[in-house]
PDBML (XML) file of the C-alpha atoms, coordinates in Angstrom:
<?xml version="1.0" encoding="UTF-8" ?>
<PDBx:datablock datablockName="MODEL"
   xmlns:PDBx="http://pdbml.pdb.org/schema/pdbx-v50.xsd"
   xmlns:xsi="http://www.w3.org/2001/XMLSchema-instance"
   xsi:schemaLocation="http://pdbml.pdb.org/schema/pdbx-v50.xsd pdbx-v50.xsd">
   <PDBx:atom_siteCategory>
      <PDBx:atom_site id="1">
         <PDBx:B_iso_or_equiv>0.00</PDBx:B_iso_or_equiv>
         <PDBx:Cartn_x>10.916</PDBx:Cartn_x>
         <PDBx:Cartn_y>2.496</PDBx:Cartn_y>
         <PDBx:Cartn_z>13.984</PDBx:Cartn_z>
         <PDBx:auth_asym_id>A</PDBx:auth_asym_id>
         <PDBx:auth_atom_id>CA</PDBx:auth_atom_id>
         <PDBx:auth_comp_id>ILE</PDBx:auth_comp_id>
         <PDBx:auth_seq_id>1</PDBx:auth_seq_id>
         <PDBx:group_PDB>ATOM</PDBx:group_PDB>
         <PDBx:label_alt_id xsi:nil="true" />
         <PDBx:label_asym_id>A</PDBx:label_asym_id>
         <PDBx:label_atom_id>CA</PDBx:label_atom_id>
         <PDBx:label_comp_id>ILE</PDBx:label_comp_id>
         <PDBx:label_entity_id>1</PDBx:label_entity_id>
         <PDBx:label_seq_id>1</PDBx:label_seq_id>
         <PDBx:occupancy>1.00</PDBx:occupancy>
         <PDBx:pdbx_PDB_model_num>1</PDBx:pdbx_PDB_model_num>
         <PDBx:type_symbol>C</PDBx:type_symbol>
      </PDBx:atom_site>
      <PDBx:atom_site id="2">
         <PDBx:B_iso_or_equiv>0.00</PDBx:B_iso_or_equiv>
         <PDBx:Cartn_x>11.534</PDBx:Cartn_x>
         <PDBx:Cartn_y>3.064</PDBx:Cartn_y>
         <PDBx:Cartn_z>10.270</PDBx:Cartn_z>
         <PDBx:auth_asym_id>A</PDBx:auth_asym_id>
         <PDBx:auth_atom_id>CA</PDBx:auth_atom_id>
         <PDBx:auth_comp_id>GLY</PDBx:auth_comp_id>
         <PDBx:auth_seq_id>2</PDBx:auth_seq_id>
         <PDBx:group_PDB>ATOM</PDBx:group_PDB>
         <PDBx:label_alt_id xsi:nil="true" />
         <PDBx:label_asym_id>A</PDBx:label_asym_id>
         <PDBx:label_atom_id>CA</PDBx:label_atom_id>
         <PDBx:label_comp_id>GLY</PDBx:label_comp_id>
         <PDBx:label_entity_id>1</PDBx:label_entity_id>
         <PDBx:label_seq_id>2</PDBx:label_seq_id>
         <PDBx:occupancy>1.00</PDBx:occupancy>
         <PDBx:pdbx_PDB_model_num>1</PDBx:pdbx_PDB_model_num>
         <PDBx:type_symbol>C</PDBx:type_symbol>
      </PDBx:atom_site>
      <PDBx:atom_site id="3">
         <PDBx:B_iso_or_equiv>0.00</PDBx:B_iso_or_equiv>
         <PDBx:Cartn_x>10.359</PDBx:Cartn_x>
         <PDBx:Cartn_y>1.597</PDBx:Cartn_y>
         <PDBx:Cartn_z>6.965</PDBx:Cartn_z>
         <PDBx:auth_asym_id>A</PDBx:auth_asym_id>
         <PDBx:auth_atom_id>CA</PDBx:auth_atom_id>
         <PDBx:auth_comp_id>ARG</PDBx:auth_comp_id>
         <PDBx:auth_seq_id>3</PDBx:auth_seq_id>
         <PDBx:group_PDB>ATOM</PDBx:group_PDB>
         <PDBx:label_alt_id xsi:nil="true" />
         <PDBx:label_asym_id>A</PDBx:label_asym_id>
         <PDBx:label_atom_id>CA</PDBx:label_atom_id>
         <PDBx:label_comp_id>ARG</PDBx:label_comp_id>
         <PDBx:label_entity_id>1</PDBx:label_entity_id>
         <PDBx:label_seq_id>3</PDBx:label_seq_id>
         <PDBx:occupancy>1.00</PDBx:occupancy>
         <PDBx:pdbx_PDB_model_num>1</PDBx:pdbx_PDB_model_num>
         <PDBx:type_symbol>C</PDBx:type_symbol>
      </PDBx:atom_site>
      <PDBx:atom_site id="4">
         <PDBx:B_iso_or_equiv>0.00</PDBx:B_iso_or_equiv>
         <PDBx:Cartn_x>11.250</PDBx:Cartn_x>
         <PDBx:Cartn_y>-1.741</PDBx:Cartn_y>
         <PDBx:Cartn_z>5.423</PDBx:Cartn_z>
         <PDBx:auth_asym_id>A</PDBx:auth_asym_id>
         <PDBx:auth_atom_id>CA</PDBx:auth_atom_id>
         <PDBx:auth_comp_id>ILE</PDBx:auth_comp_id>
         <PDBx:auth_seq_id>4</PDBx:auth_seq_id>
         <PDBx:group_PDB>ATOM</PDBx:group_PDB>
         <PDBx:label_alt_id xsi:nil="true" />
         <PDBx:label_asym_id>A</PDBx:label_asym_id>
         <PDBx:label_atom_id>CA</PDBx:label_atom_id>
         <PDBx:label_comp_id>ILE</PDBx:label_comp_id>
         <PDBx:label_entity_id>1</PDBx:label_entity_id>
         <PDBx:label_seq_id>4</PDBx:label_seq_id>
         <PDBx:occupancy>1.00</PDBx:occupancy>
         <PDBx:pdbx_PDB_model_num>1</PDBx:pdbx_PDB_model_num>
         <PDBx:type_symbol>C</PDBx:type_symbol>
      </PDBx:atom_site>
      <PDBx:atom_site id="5">
         <PDBx:B_iso_or_equiv>0.00</PDBx:B_iso_or_equiv>
         <PDBx:Cartn_x>13.686</PDBx:Cartn_x>
         <PDBx:Cartn_y>-1.269</PDBx:Cartn_y>
         <PDBx:Cartn_z>2.552</PDBx:Cartn_z>
         <PDBx:auth_asym_id>A</PDBx:auth_asym_id>
         <PDBx:auth_atom_id>CA</PDBx:auth_atom_id>
         <PDBx:auth_comp_id>LYS</PDBx:auth_comp_id>
         <PDBx:auth_seq_id>5</PDBx:auth_seq_id>
         <PDBx:group_PDB>ATOM</PDBx:group_PDB>
         <PDBx:label_alt_id xsi:nil="true" />
         <PDBx:label_asym_id>A</PDBx:label_asym_id>
         <PDBx:label_atom_id>CA</PDBx:label_atom_id>
         <PDBx:label_comp_id>LYS</PDBx:label_comp_id>
         <PDBx:label_entity_id>1</PDBx:label_entity_id>
         <PDBx:label_seq_id>5</PDBx:label_seq_id>
         <PDBx:occupancy>1.00</PDBx:occupancy>
         <PDBx:pdbx_PDB_model_num>1</PDBx:pdbx_PDB_model_num>
         <PDBx:type_symbol>C</PDBx:type_symbol>
      </PDBx:atom_site>
      <PDBx:atom_site id="6">
         <PDBx:B_iso_or_equiv>0.00</PDBx:B_iso_or_equiv>
         <PDBx:Cartn_x>11.803</PDBx:Cartn_x>
         <PDBx:Cartn_y>-1.075</PDBx:Cartn_y>
         <PDBx:Cartn_z>-0.723</PDBx:Cartn_z>
         <PDBx:auth_asym_id>A</PDBx:auth_asym_id>
         <PDBx:auth_atom_id>CA</PDBx:auth_atom_id>
         <PDBx:auth_comp_id>GLY</PDBx:auth_comp_id>
         <PDBx:auth_seq_id>6</PDBx:auth_seq_id>
         <PDBx:group_PDB>ATOM</PDBx:group_PDB>
         <PDBx:label_alt_id xsi:nil="true" />
         <PDBx:label_asym_id>A</PDBx:label_asym_id>
         <PDBx:label_atom_id>CA</PDBx:label_atom_id>
         <PDBx:label_comp_id>GLY</PDBx:label_comp_id>
         <PDBx:label_entity_id>1</PDBx:label_entity_id>
         <PDBx:label_seq_id>6</PDBx:label_seq_id>
         <PDBx:occupancy>1.00</PDBx:occupancy>
         <PDBx:pdbx_PDB_model_num>1</PDBx:pdbx_PDB_model_num>
         <PDBx:type_symbol>C</PDBx:type_symbol>
      </PDBx:atom_site>
      <PDBx:atom_site id="7">
         <PDBx:B_iso_or_equiv>0.00</PDBx:B_iso_or_equiv>
         <PDBx:Cartn_x>8.544</PDBx:Cartn_x>
         <PDBx:Cartn_y>0.188</PDBx:Cartn_y>
         <PDBx:Cartn_z>0.778</PDBx:Cartn_z>
         <PDBx:auth_asym_id>A</PDBx:auth_asym_id>
         <PDBx:auth_atom_id>CA</PDBx:auth_atom_id>
         <PDBx:auth_comp_id>VAL</PDBx:auth_comp_id>
         <PDBx:auth_seq_id>7</PDBx:auth_seq_id>
         <PDBx:group_PDB>ATOM</PDBx:group_PDB>
         <PDBx:label_alt_id xsi:nil="true" />
         <PDBx:label_asym_id>A</PDBx:label_asym_id>
         <PDBx:label_atom_id>CA</PDBx:label_atom_id>
         <PDBx:label_comp_id>VAL</PDBx:label_comp_id>
         <PDBx:label_entity_id>1</PDBx:label_entity_id>
         <PDBx:label_seq_id>7</PDBx:label_seq_id>
         <PDBx:occupancy>1.00</PDBx:occupancy>
         <PDBx:pdbx_PDB_model_num>1</PDBx:pdbx_PDB_model_num>
         <PDBx:type_symbol>C</PDBx:type_symbol>
      </PDBx:atom_site>
      <PDBx:atom_site id="8">
         <PDBx:B_iso_or_equiv>0.00</PDBx:B_iso_or_equiv>
         <PDBx:Cartn_x>7.959</PDBx:Cartn_x>
         <PDBx:Cartn_y>3.838</PDBx:Cartn_y>
         <PDBx:Cartn_z>-0.098</PDBx:Cartn_z>
         <PDBx:auth_asym_id>A</PDBx:auth_asym_id>
         <PDBx:auth_atom_id>CA</PDBx:auth_atom_id>
         <PDBx:auth_comp_id>ASP</PDBx:auth_comp_id>
         <PDBx:auth_seq_id>8</PDBx:auth_seq_id>
         <PDBx:group_PDB>ATOM</PDBx:group_PDB>
         <PDBx:label_alt_id xsi:nil="true" />
         <PDBx:label_asym_id>A</PDBx:label_asym_id>
         <PDBx:label_atom_id>CA</PDBx:label_atom_id>
         <PDBx:label_comp_id>ASP</PDBx:label_comp_id>
         <PDBx:label_entity_id>1</PDBx:label_entity_id>
         <PDBx:label_seq_id>8</PDBx:label_seq_id>
         <PDBx:occupancy>1.00</PDBx:occupancy>
         <PDBx:pdbx_PDB_model_num>1</PDBx:pdbx_PDB_model_num>
         <PDBx:type_symbol>C</PDBx:type_symbol>
      </PDBx:atom_site>
      <PDBx:atom_site id="9">
         <PDBx:B_iso_or_equiv>0.00</PDBx:B_iso_or_equiv>
         <PDBx:Cartn_x>4.804</PDBx:Cartn_x>
         <PDBx:Cartn_y>4.250</PDBx:Cartn_y>
         <PDBx:Cartn_z>1.954</PDBx:Cartn_z>
         <PDBx:auth_asym_id>A</PDBx:auth_asym_id>
         <PDBx:auth_atom_id>CA</PDBx:auth_atom_id>
         <PDBx:auth_comp_id>ARG</PDBx:auth_comp_id>
         <PDBx:auth_seq_id>9</PDBx:auth_seq_id>
         <PDBx:group_PDB>ATOM</PDBx:group_PDB>
         <PDBx:label_alt_id xsi:nil="true" />
         <PDBx:label_asym_id>A</PDBx:label_asym_id>
         <PDBx:label_atom_id>CA</PDBx:label_atom_id>
         <PDBx:label_comp_id>ARG</PDBx:label_comp_id>
         <PDBx:label_entity_id>1</PDBx:label_entity_id>
         <PDBx:label_seq_id>9</PDBx:label_seq_id>
         <PDBx:occupancy>1.00</PDBx:occupancy>
         <PDBx:pdbx_PDB_model_num>1</PDBx:pdbx_PDB_model_num>
         <PDBx:type_symbol>C</PDBx:type_symbol>
      </PDBx:atom_site>
      <PDBx:atom_site id="10">
         <PDBx:B_iso_or_equiv>0.00</PDBx:B_iso_or_equiv>
         <PDBx:Cartn_x>3.527</PDBx:Cartn_x>
         <PDBx:Cartn_y>1.718</PDBx:Cartn_y>
         <PDBx:Cartn_z>4.505</PDBx:Cartn_z>
         <PDBx:auth_asym_id>A</PDBx:auth_asym_id>
         <PDBx:auth_atom_id>CA</PDBx:auth_atom_id>
         <PDBx:auth_comp_id>PRO</PDBx:auth_comp_id>
         <PDBx:auth_seq_id>10</PDBx:auth_seq_id>
         <PDBx:group_PDB>ATOM</PDBx:group_PDB>
         <PDBx:label_alt_id xsi:nil="true" />
         <PDBx:label_asym_id>A</PDBx:label_asym_id>
         <PDBx:label_atom_id>CA</PDBx:label_atom_id>
         <PDBx:label_comp_id>PRO</PDBx:label_comp_id>
         <PDBx:label_entity_id>1</PDBx:label_entity_id>
         <PDBx:label_seq_id>10</PDBx:label_seq_id>
         <PDBx:occupancy>1.00</PDBx:occupancy>
         <PDBx:pdbx_PDB_model_num>1</PDBx:pdbx_PDB_model_num>
         <PDBx:type_symbol>C</PDBx:type_symbol>
      </PDBx:atom_site>
      <PDBx:atom_site id="11">
         <PDBx:B_iso_or_equiv>0.00</PDBx:B_iso_or_equiv>
         <PDBx:Cartn_x>-0.153</PDBx:Cartn_x>
         <PDBx:Cartn_y>0.901</PDBx:Cartn_y>
         <PDBx:Cartn_z>4.225</PDBx:Cartn_z>
         <PDBx:auth_asym_id>A</PDBx:auth_asym_id>
         <PDBx:auth_atom_id>CA</PDBx:auth_atom_id>
         <PDBx:auth_comp_id>GLY</PDBx:auth_comp_id>
         <PDBx:auth_seq_id>11</PDBx:auth_seq_id>
         <PDBx:group_PDB>ATOM</PDBx:group_PDB>
         <PDBx:label_alt_id xsi:nil="true" />
         <PDBx:label_asym_id>A</PDBx:label_asym_id>
         <PDBx:label_atom_id>CA</PDBx:label_atom_id>
         <PDBx:label_comp_id>GLY</PDBx:label_comp_id>
         <PDBx:label_entity_id>1</PDBx:label_entity_id>
         <PDBx:label_seq_id>11</PDBx:label_seq_id>
         <PDBx:occupancy>1.00</PDBx:occupancy>
         <PDBx:pdbx_PDB_model_num>1</PDBx:pdbx_PDB_model_num>
         <PDBx:type_symbol>C</PDBx:type_symbol>
      </PDBx:atom_site>
      <PDBx:atom_site id="12">
         <PDBx:B_iso_or_equiv>0.00</PDBx:B_iso_or_equiv>
         <PDBx:Cartn_x>-2.732</PDBx:Cartn_x>
         <PDBx:Cartn_y>0.697</PDBx:Cartn_y>
         <PDBx:Cartn_z>6.983</PDBx:Cartn_z>
         <PDBx:auth_asym_id>A</PDBx:auth_asym_id>
         <PDBx:auth_atom_id>CA</PDBx:auth_atom_id>
         <PDBx:auth_comp_id>MET</PDBx:auth_comp_id>
         <PDBx:auth_seq_id>12</PDBx:auth_seq_id>
         <PDBx:group_PDB>ATOM</PDBx:group_PDB>
         <PDBx:label_alt_id xsi:nil="true" />
         <PDBx:label_asym_id>A</PDBx:label_asym_id>
         <PDBx:label_atom_id>CA</PDBx:label_atom_id>
         <PDBx:label_comp_id>MET</PDBx:label_comp_id>
         <PDBx:label_entity_id>1</PDBx:label_entity_id>
         <PDBx:label_seq_id>12</PDBx:label_seq_id>
         <PDBx:occupancy>1.00</PDBx:occupancy>
         <PDBx:pdbx_PDB_model_num>1</PDBx:pdbx_PDB_model_num>
         <PDBx:type_symbol>C</PDBx:type_symbol>
      </PDBx:atom_site>
      <PDBx:atom_site id="13">
         <PDBx:B_iso_or_equiv>0.00</PDBx:B_iso_or_equiv>
         <PDBx:Cartn_x>-4.359</PDBx:Cartn_x>
         <PDBx:Cartn_y>-2.710</PDBx:Cartn_y>
         <PDBx:Cartn_z>6.658</PDBx:Cartn_z>
         <PDBx:auth_asym_id>A</PDBx:auth_asym_id>
         <PDBx:auth_atom_id>CA</PDBx:auth_atom_id>
         <PDBx:auth_comp_id>THR</PDBx:auth_comp_id>
         <PDBx:auth_seq_id>13</PDBx:auth_seq_id>
         <PDBx:group_PDB>ATOM</PDBx:group_PDB>
         <PDBx:label_alt_id xsi:nil="true" />
         <PDBx:label_asym_id>A</PDBx:label_asym_id>
         <PDBx:label_atom_id>CA</PDBx:label_atom_id>
         <PDBx:label_comp_id>THR</PDBx:label_comp_id>
         <PDBx:label_entity_id>1</PDBx:label_entity_id>
         <PDBx:label_seq_id>13</PDBx:label_seq_id>
         <PDBx:occupancy>1.00</PDBx:occupancy>
         <PDBx:pdbx_PDB_model_num>1</PDBx:pdbx_PDB_model_num>
         <PDBx:type_symbol>C</PDBx:type_symbol>
      </PDBx:atom_site>
      <PDBx:atom_site id="14">
         <PDBx:B_iso_or_equiv>0.00</PDBx:B_iso_or_equiv>
         <PDBx:Cartn_x>-7.607</PDBx:Cartn_x>
         <PDBx:Cartn_y>-3.949</PDBx:Cartn_y>
         <PDBx:Cartn_z>8.147</PDBx:Cartn_z>
         <PDBx:auth_asym_id>A</PDBx:auth_asym_id>
         <PDBx:auth_atom_id>CA</PDBx:auth_atom_id>
         <PDBx:auth_comp_id>THR</PDBx:auth_comp_id>
         <PDBx:auth_seq_id>14</PDBx:auth_seq_id>
         <PDBx:group_PDB>ATOM</PDBx:group_PDB>
         <PDBx:label_alt_id xsi:nil="true" />
         <PDBx:label_asym_id>A</PDBx:label_asym_id>
         <PDBx:label_atom_id>CA</PDBx:label_atom_id>
         <PDBx:label_comp_id>THR</PDBx:label_comp_id>
         <PDBx:label_entity_id>1</PDBx:label_entity_id>
         <PDBx:label_seq_id>14</PDBx:label_seq_id>
         <PDBx:occupancy>1.00</PDBx:occupancy>
         <PDBx:pdbx_PDB_model_num>1</PDBx:pdbx_PDB_model_num>
         <PDBx:type_symbol>C</PDBx:type_symbol>
      </PDBx:atom_site>
      <PDBx:atom_site id="15">
         <PDBx:B_iso_or_equiv>0.00</PDBx:B_iso_or_equiv>
         <PDBx:Cartn_x>-9.561</PDBx:Cartn_x>
         <PDBx:Cartn_y>-7.198</PDBx:Cartn_y>
         <PDBx:Cartn_z>8.030</PDBx:Cartn_z>
         <PDBx:auth_asym_id>A</PDBx:auth_asym_id>
         <PDBx:auth_atom_id>CA</PDBx:auth_atom_id>
         <PDBx:auth_comp_id>THR</PDBx:auth_comp_id>
         <PDBx:auth_seq_id>15</PDBx:auth_seq_id>
         <PDBx:group_PDB>ATOM</PDBx:group_PDB>
         <PDBx:label_alt_id xsi:nil="true" />
         <PDBx:label_asym_id>A</PDBx:label_asym_id>
         <PDBx:label_atom_id>CA</PDBx:label_atom_id>
         <PDBx:label_comp_id>THR</PDBx:label_comp_id>
         <PDBx:label_entity_id>1</PDBx:label_entity_id>
         <PDBx:label_seq_id>15</PDBx:label_seq_id>
         <PDBx:occupancy>1.00</PDBx:occupancy>
         <PDBx:pdbx_PDB_model_num>1</PDBx:pdbx_PDB_model_num>
         <PDBx:type_symbol>C</PDBx:type_symbol>
      </PDBx:atom_site>
      <PDBx:atom_site id="16">
         <PDBx:B_iso_or_equiv>0.00</PDBx:B_iso_or_equiv>
         <PDBx:Cartn_x>-13.295</PDBx:Cartn_x>
         <PDBx:Cartn_y>-7.106</PDBx:Cartn_y>
         <PDBx:Cartn_z>7.353</PDBx:Cartn_z>
         <PDBx:auth_asym_id>A</PDBx:auth_asym_id>
         <PDBx:auth_atom_id>CA</PDBx:auth_atom_id>
         <PDBx:auth_comp_id>LEU</PDBx:auth_comp_id>
         <PDBx:auth_seq_id>16</PDBx:auth_seq_id>
         <PDBx:group_PDB>ATOM</PDBx:group_PDB>
         <PDBx:label_alt_id xsi:nil="true" />
         <PDBx:label_asym_id>A</PDBx:label_asym_id>
         <PDBx:label_atom_id>CA</PDBx:label_atom_id>
         <PDBx:label_comp_id>LEU</PDBx:label_comp_id>
         <PDBx:label_entity_id>1</PDBx:label_entity_id>
         <PDBx:label_seq_id>16</PDBx:label_seq_id>
         <PDBx:occupancy>1.00</PDBx:occupancy>
         <PDBx:pdbx_PDB_model_num>1</PDBx:pdbx_PDB_model_num>
         <PDBx:type_symbol>C</PDBx:type_symbol>
      </PDBx:atom_site>
      <PDBx:atom_site id="17">
         <PDBx:B_iso_or_equiv>0.00</PDBx:B_iso_or_equiv>
         <PDBx:Cartn_x>-15.932</PDBx:Cartn_x>
         <PDBx:Cartn_y>-9.862</PDBx:Cartn_y>
         <PDBx:Cartn_z>7.277</PDBx:Cartn_z>
         <PDBx:auth_asym_id>A</PDBx:auth_asym_id>
         <PDBx:auth_atom_id>CA</PDBx:auth_atom_id>
         <PDBx:auth_comp_id>PRO</PDBx:auth_comp_id>
         <PDBx:auth_seq_id>17</PDBx:auth_seq_id>
         <PDBx:group_PDB>ATOM</PDBx:group_PDB>
         <PDBx:label_alt_id xsi:nil="true" />
         <PDBx:label_asym_id>A</PDBx:label_asym_id>
         <PDBx:label_atom_id>CA</PDBx:label_atom_id>
         <PDBx:label_comp_id>PRO</PDBx:label_comp_id>
         <PDBx:label_entity_id>1</PDBx:label_entity_id>
         <PDBx:label_seq_id>17</PDBx:label_seq_id>
         <PDBx:occupancy>1.00</PDBx:occupancy>
         <PDBx:pdbx_PDB_model_num>1</PDBx:pdbx_PDB_model_num>
         <PDBx:type_symbol>C</PDBx:type_symbol>
      </PDBx:atom_site>
      <PDBx:atom_site id="18">
         <PDBx:B_iso_or_equiv>0.00</PDBx:B_iso_or_equiv>
         <PDBx:Cartn_x>-16.935</PDBx:Cartn_x>
         <PDBx:Cartn_y>-11.492</PDBx:Cartn_y>
         <PDBx:Cartn_z>4.010</PDBx:Cartn_z>
         <PDBx:auth_asym_id>A</PDBx:auth_asym_id>
         <PDBx:auth_atom_id>CA</PDBx:auth_atom_id>
         <PDBx:auth_comp_id>ALA</PDBx:auth_comp_id>
         <PDBx:auth_seq_id>18</PDBx:auth_seq_id>
         <PDBx:group_PDB>ATOM</PDBx:group_PDB>
         <PDBx:label_alt_id xsi:nil="true" />
         <PDBx:label_asym_id>A</PDBx:label_asym_id>
         <PDBx:label_atom_id>CA</PDBx:label_atom_id>
         <PDBx:label_comp_id>ALA</PDBx:label_comp_id>
         <PDBx:label_entity_id>1</PDBx:label_entity_id>
         <PDBx:label_seq_id>18</PDBx:label_seq_id>
         <PDBx:occupancy>1.00</PDBx:occupancy>
         <PDBx:pdbx_PDB_model_num>1</PDBx:pdbx_PDB_model_num>
         <PDBx:type_symbol>C</PDBx:type_symbol>
      </PDBx:atom_site>
      <PDBx:atom_site id="19">
         <PDBx:B_iso_or_equiv>0.00</PDBx:B_iso_or_equiv>
         <PDBx:Cartn_x>-20.525</PDBx:Cartn_x>
         <PDBx:Cartn_y>-12.699</PDBx:Cartn_y>
         <PDBx:Cartn_z>3.953</PDBx:Cartn_z>
         <PDBx:auth_asym_id>A</PDBx:auth_asym_id>
         <PDBx:auth_atom_id>CA</PDBx:auth_atom_id>
         <PDBx:auth_comp_id>LEU</PDBx:auth_comp_id>
         <PDBx:auth_seq_id>19</PDBx:auth_seq_id>
         <PDBx:group_PDB>ATOM</PDBx:group_PDB>
         <PDBx:label_alt_id xsi:nil="true" />
         <PDBx:label_asym_id>A</PDBx:label_asym_id>
         <PDBx:label_atom_id>CA</PDBx:label_atom_id>
         <PDBx:label_comp_id>LEU</PDBx:label_comp_id>
         <PDBx:label_entity_id>1</PDBx:label_entity_id>
         <PDBx:label_seq_id>19</PDBx:label_seq_id>
         <PDBx:occupancy>1.00</PDBx:occupancy>
         <PDBx:pdbx_PDB_model_num>1</PDBx:pdbx_PDB_model_num>
         <PDBx:type_symbol>C</PDBx:type_symbol>
      </PDBx:atom_site>
      <PDBx:atom_site id="20">
         <PDBx:B_iso_or_equiv>0.00</PDBx:B_iso_or_equiv>
         <PDBx:Cartn_x>-19.978</PDBx:Cartn_x>
         <PDBx:Cartn_y>-15.076</PDBx:Cartn_y>
         <PDBx:Cartn_z>1.035</PDBx:Cartn_z>
         <PDBx:auth_asym_id>A</PDBx:auth_asym_id>
         <PDBx:auth_atom_id>CA</PDBx:auth_atom_id>
         <PDBx:auth_comp_id>ALA</PDBx:auth_comp_id>
         <PDBx:auth_seq_id>20</PDBx:auth_seq_id>
         <PDBx:group_PDB>ATOM</PDBx:group_PDB>
         <PDBx:label_alt_id xsi:nil="true" />
         <PDBx:label_asym_id>A</PDBx:label_asym_id>
         <PDBx:label_atom_id>CA</PDBx:label_atom_id>
         <PDBx:label_comp_id>ALA</PDBx:label_comp_id>
         <PDBx:label_entity_id>1</PDBx:label_entity_id>
         <PDBx:label_seq_id>20</PDBx:label_seq_id>
         <PDBx:occupancy>1.00</PDBx:occupancy>
         <PDBx:pdbx_PDB_model_num>1</PDBx:pdbx_PDB_model_num>
         <PDBx:type_symbol>C</PDBx:type_symbol>
      </PDBx:atom_site>
      <PDBx:atom_site id="21">
         <PDBx:B_iso_or_equiv>0.00</PDBx:B_iso_or_equiv>
         <PDBx:Cartn_x>-17.133</PDBx:Cartn_x>
         <PDBx:Cartn_y>-16.706</PDBx:Cartn_y>
         <PDBx:Cartn_z>-0.829</PDBx:Cartn_z>
         <PDBx:auth_asym_id>A</PDBx:auth_asym_id>
         <PDBx:auth_atom_id>CA</PDBx:auth_atom_id>
         <PDBx:auth_comp_id>GLY</PDBx:auth_comp_id>
         <PDBx:auth_seq_id>21</PDBx:auth_seq_id>
         <PDBx:group_PDB>ATOM</PDBx:group_PDB>
         <PDBx:label_alt_id xsi:nil="true" />
         <PDBx:label_asym_id>A</PDBx:label_asym_id>
         <PDBx:label_atom_id>CA</PDBx:label_atom_id>
         <PDBx:label_comp_id>GLY</PDBx:label_comp_id>
         <PDBx:label_entity_id>1</PDBx:label_entity_id>
         <PDBx:label_seq_id>21</PDBx:label_seq_id>
         <PDBx:occupancy>1.00</PDBx:occupancy>
         <PDBx:pdbx_PDB_model_num>1</PDBx:pdbx_PDB_model_num>
         <PDBx:type_symbol>C</PDBx:type_symbol>
      </PDBx:atom_site>
      <PDBx:atom_site id="22">
         <PDBx:B_iso_or_equiv>0.00</PDBx:B_iso_or_equiv>
         <PDBx:Cartn_x>-14.449</PDBx:Cartn_x>
         <PDBx:Cartn_y>-19.239</PDBx:Cartn_y>
         <PDBx:Cartn_z>0.114</PDBx:Cartn_z>
         <PDBx:auth_asym_id>A</PDBx:auth_asym_id>
         <PDBx:auth_atom_id>CA</PDBx:auth_atom_id>
         <PDBx:auth_comp_id>PRO</PDBx:auth_comp_id>
         <PDBx:auth_seq_id>22</PDBx:auth_seq_id>
         <PDBx:group_PDB>ATOM</PDBx:group_PDB>
         <PDBx:label_alt_id xsi:nil="true" />
         <PDBx:label_asym_id>A</PDBx:label_asym_id>
         <PDBx:label_atom_id>CA</PDBx:label_atom_id>
         <PDBx:label_comp_id>PRO</PDBx:label_comp_id>
         <PDBx:label_entity_id>1</PDBx:label_entity_id>
         <PDBx:label_seq_id>22</PDBx:label_seq_id>
         <PDBx:occupancy>1.00</PDBx:occupancy>
         <PDBx:pdbx_PDB_model_num>1</PDBx:pdbx_PDB_model_num>
         <PDBx:type_symbol>C</PDBx:type_symbol>
      </PDBx:atom_site>
      <PDBx:atom_site id="23">
         <PDBx:B_iso_or_equiv>0.00</PDBx:B_iso_or_equiv>
         <PDBx:Cartn_x>-13.023</PDBx:Cartn_x>
         <PDBx:Cartn_y>-17.097</PDBx:Cartn_y>
         <PDBx:Cartn_z>2.949</PDBx:Cartn_z>
         <PDBx:auth_asym_id>A</PDBx:auth_asym_id>
         <PDBx:auth_atom_id>CA</PDBx:auth_atom_id>
         <PDBx:auth_comp_id>GLU</PDBx:auth_comp_id>
         <PDBx:auth_seq_id>23</PDBx:auth_seq_id>
         <PDBx:group_PDB>ATOM</PDBx:group_PDB>
         <PDBx:label_alt_id xsi:nil="true" />
         <PDBx:label_asym_id>A</PDBx:label_asym_id>
         <PDBx:label_atom_id>CA</PDBx:label_atom_id>
         <PDBx:label_comp_id>GLU</PDBx:label_comp_id>
         <PDBx:label_entity_id>1</PDBx:label_entity_id>
         <PDBx:label_seq_id>23</PDBx:label_seq_id>
         <PDBx:occupancy>1.00</PDBx:occupancy>
         <PDBx:pdbx_PDB_model_num>1</PDBx:pdbx_PDB_model_num>
         <PDBx:type_symbol>C</PDBx:type_symbol>
      </PDBx:atom_site>
      <PDBx:atom_site id="24">
         <PDBx:B_iso_or_equiv>0.00</PDBx:B_iso_or_equiv>
         <PDBx:Cartn_x>-14.866</PDBx:Cartn_x>
         <PDBx:Cartn_y>-15.511</PDBx:Cartn_y>
         <PDBx:Cartn_z>5.895</PDBx:Cartn_z>
         <PDBx:auth_asym_id>A</PDBx:auth_asym_id>
         <PDBx:auth_atom_id>CA</PDBx:auth_atom_id>
         <PDBx:auth_comp_id>ASP</PDBx:auth_comp_id>
         <PDBx:auth_seq_id>24</PDBx:auth_seq_id>
         <PDBx:group_PDB>ATOM</PDBx:group_PDB>
         <PDBx:label_alt_id xsi:nil="true" />
         <PDBx:label_asym_id>A</PDBx:label_asym_id>
         <PDBx:label_atom_id>CA</PDBx:label_atom_id>
         <PDBx:label_comp_id>ASP</PDBx:label_comp_id>
         <PDBx:label_entity_id>1</PDBx:label_entity_id>
         <PDBx:label_seq_id>24</PDBx:label_seq_id>
         <PDBx:occupancy>1.00</PDBx:occupancy>
         <PDBx:pdbx_PDB_model_num>1</PDBx:pdbx_PDB_model_num>
         <PDBx:type_symbol>C</PDBx:type_symbol>
      </PDBx:atom_site>
   </PDBx:atom_siteCategory>
</PDBx:datablock>
């Protein structure tokens, strides 16, 4: 598929729960 120009290494991103704060 290939990398976006300007990105040297793509990052694996995950979403985790926040138990407090403005966002969940």
